Amino acid sequence: MSEYTDVNGAPFTDDDIEQWAAATESEEGYTGKHLGSSIPGRPVSVGAQARPFTLRLDAARRAKLDVAAQERHTTPSQLMRELIDAL
């Protein structure tokens, strides 16, 4: 049995894939939360009053940020929010 890792670092196996396929192909079908009408644009993850903030980073700093975010199974943006909140 093979073991895989998703983009967020969560492991899953061939058995998991088989279970997901069986659930999708069943009479009940898929009942995930994301079904329904779509809303264009990015979701507002930090409140309606949130505004974009641009930060220019050289390649080395951006690479460090990306690695740190990946190790924590989060996005670089969310990691920066958490760091600011910790101040």
Protein backbone atom coordinates (compact mmCIF):
# COMPACT_ATOMS: atom_id res chain seq x y z
CA MET A 1 0.00 0.00 0.00
CA SER A 2 1.35 3.39 -0.99
CA GLU A 3 1.29 6.43 1.26
CA TYR A 4 0.92 9.94 -0.11
CA THR A 5 0.96 13.49 1.24
CA ASP A 6 -1.43 16.25 0.17
CA VAL A 7 -0.39 19.86 -0.44
CA ASN A 8 -1.02 20.69 3.23
CA GLY A 9 1.18 17.84 4.46
CA ALA A 10 -1.65 15.51 5.54
CA PRO A 11 -0.89 11.84 4.80
CA PHE A 12 -3.32 9.51 3.01
CA THR A 13 -3.17 5.99 1.58
CA ASP A 14 -4.59 3.93 -1.25
CA ASP A 15 -7.31 2.77 1.17
CA ASP A 16 -8.34 6.39 1.74
CA ILE A 17 -8.60 6.91 -2.02
CA GLU A 18 -10.76 3.79 -2.36
CA GLN A 19 -13.07 5.00 0.46
CA TRP A 20 -13.42 8.44 -1.15
CA ALA A 21 -14.19 6.88 -4.53
CA ALA A 22 -16.78 4.52 -3.01
CA ALA A 23 -18.48 7.41 -1.19
CA THR A 24 -18.55 9.50 -4.36
CA GLU A 25 -19.98 6.67 -6.44
CA SER A 26 -22.60 5.65 -3.85
CA GLU A 27 -26.31 6.47 -4.08
CA GLU A 28 -25.80 9.24 -1.52
CA GLY A 29 -23.07 10.89 -3.57
CA TYR A 30 -20.67 13.47 -2.24
CA THR A 31 -22.00 15.62 0.61
CA GLY A 32 -19.01 17.89 1.20
CA LYS A 33 -19.40 21.40 2.59
CA HIS A 34 -18.19 23.18 -0.53
CA LEU A 35 -21.11 22.11 -2.73
CA GLY A 36 -23.47 24.85 -3.78
CA SER A 37 -23.31 28.02 -5.79
CA SER A 38 -19.90 29.53 -6.26
CA ILE A 39 -18.95 33.07 -5.33
CA PRO A 40 -16.43 34.78 -7.61
CA GLY A 41 -13.20 36.15 -6.17
CA ARG A 42 -11.11 35.25 -3.19
CA PRO A 43 -12.86 34.44 0.07
CA VAL A 44 -12.48 37.06 2.80
CA SER A 45 -10.53 35.13 5.41
CA VAL A 46 -9.84 37.87 7.92
CA GLY A 47 -12.96 40.05 7.92
CA ALA A 48 -14.73 42.49 5.67
CA GLN A 49 -12.48 45.38 6.74
CA ALA A 50 -9.29 43.59 5.62
CA ARG A 51 -7.13 45.41 3.09
CA PRO A 52 -4.21 44.04 1.06
CA PHE A 53 -0.67 44.81 2.15
CA THR A 54 2.27 44.35 -0.21
CA LEU A 55 5.70 43.40 1.07
CA ARG A 56 8.65 43.06 -1.29
CA LEU A 57 11.03 40.26 -0.36
CA ASP A 58 14.24 39.13 -2.01
CA ALA A 59 14.40 35.50 -3.17
CA ALA A 60 16.17 34.25 -0.04
CA ARG A 61 13.66 35.80 2.37
CA ARG A 62 10.70 34.59 0.29
CA ALA A 63 12.16 31.08 0.26
CA LYS A 64 12.51 31.17 4.07
CA LEU A 65 8.92 32.34 4.41
CA ASP A 66 7.64 29.62 2.07
CA VAL A 67 9.57 26.89 3.92
CA ALA A 68 8.37 28.12 7.33
CA ALA A 69 4.76 28.21 6.12
CA GLN A 70 5.01 24.75 4.58
CA GLU A 71 6.49 23.32 7.80
CA ARG A 72 3.51 24.74 9.70
CA HIS A 73 1.00 23.52 7.08
CA THR A 74 -0.26 27.02 6.40
CA THR A 75 0.08 29.74 3.78
CA PRO A 76 2.73 32.46 3.80
CA SER A 77 -0.05 35.07 4.27
CA GLN A 78 -1.54 33.27 7.27
CA LEU A 79 1.92 32.83 8.78
CA MET A 80 2.52 36.57 8.49
CA ARG A 81 -0.85 37.30 10.16
CA GLU A 82 0.08 34.99 13.03
CA LEU A 83 3.51 36.63 13.41
CA ILE A 84 1.94 40.10 13.53
CA ASP A 85 -0.62 38.90 16.08
CA ALA A 86 2.24 37.61 18.24
CA LEU A 87 3.82 41.10 18.49
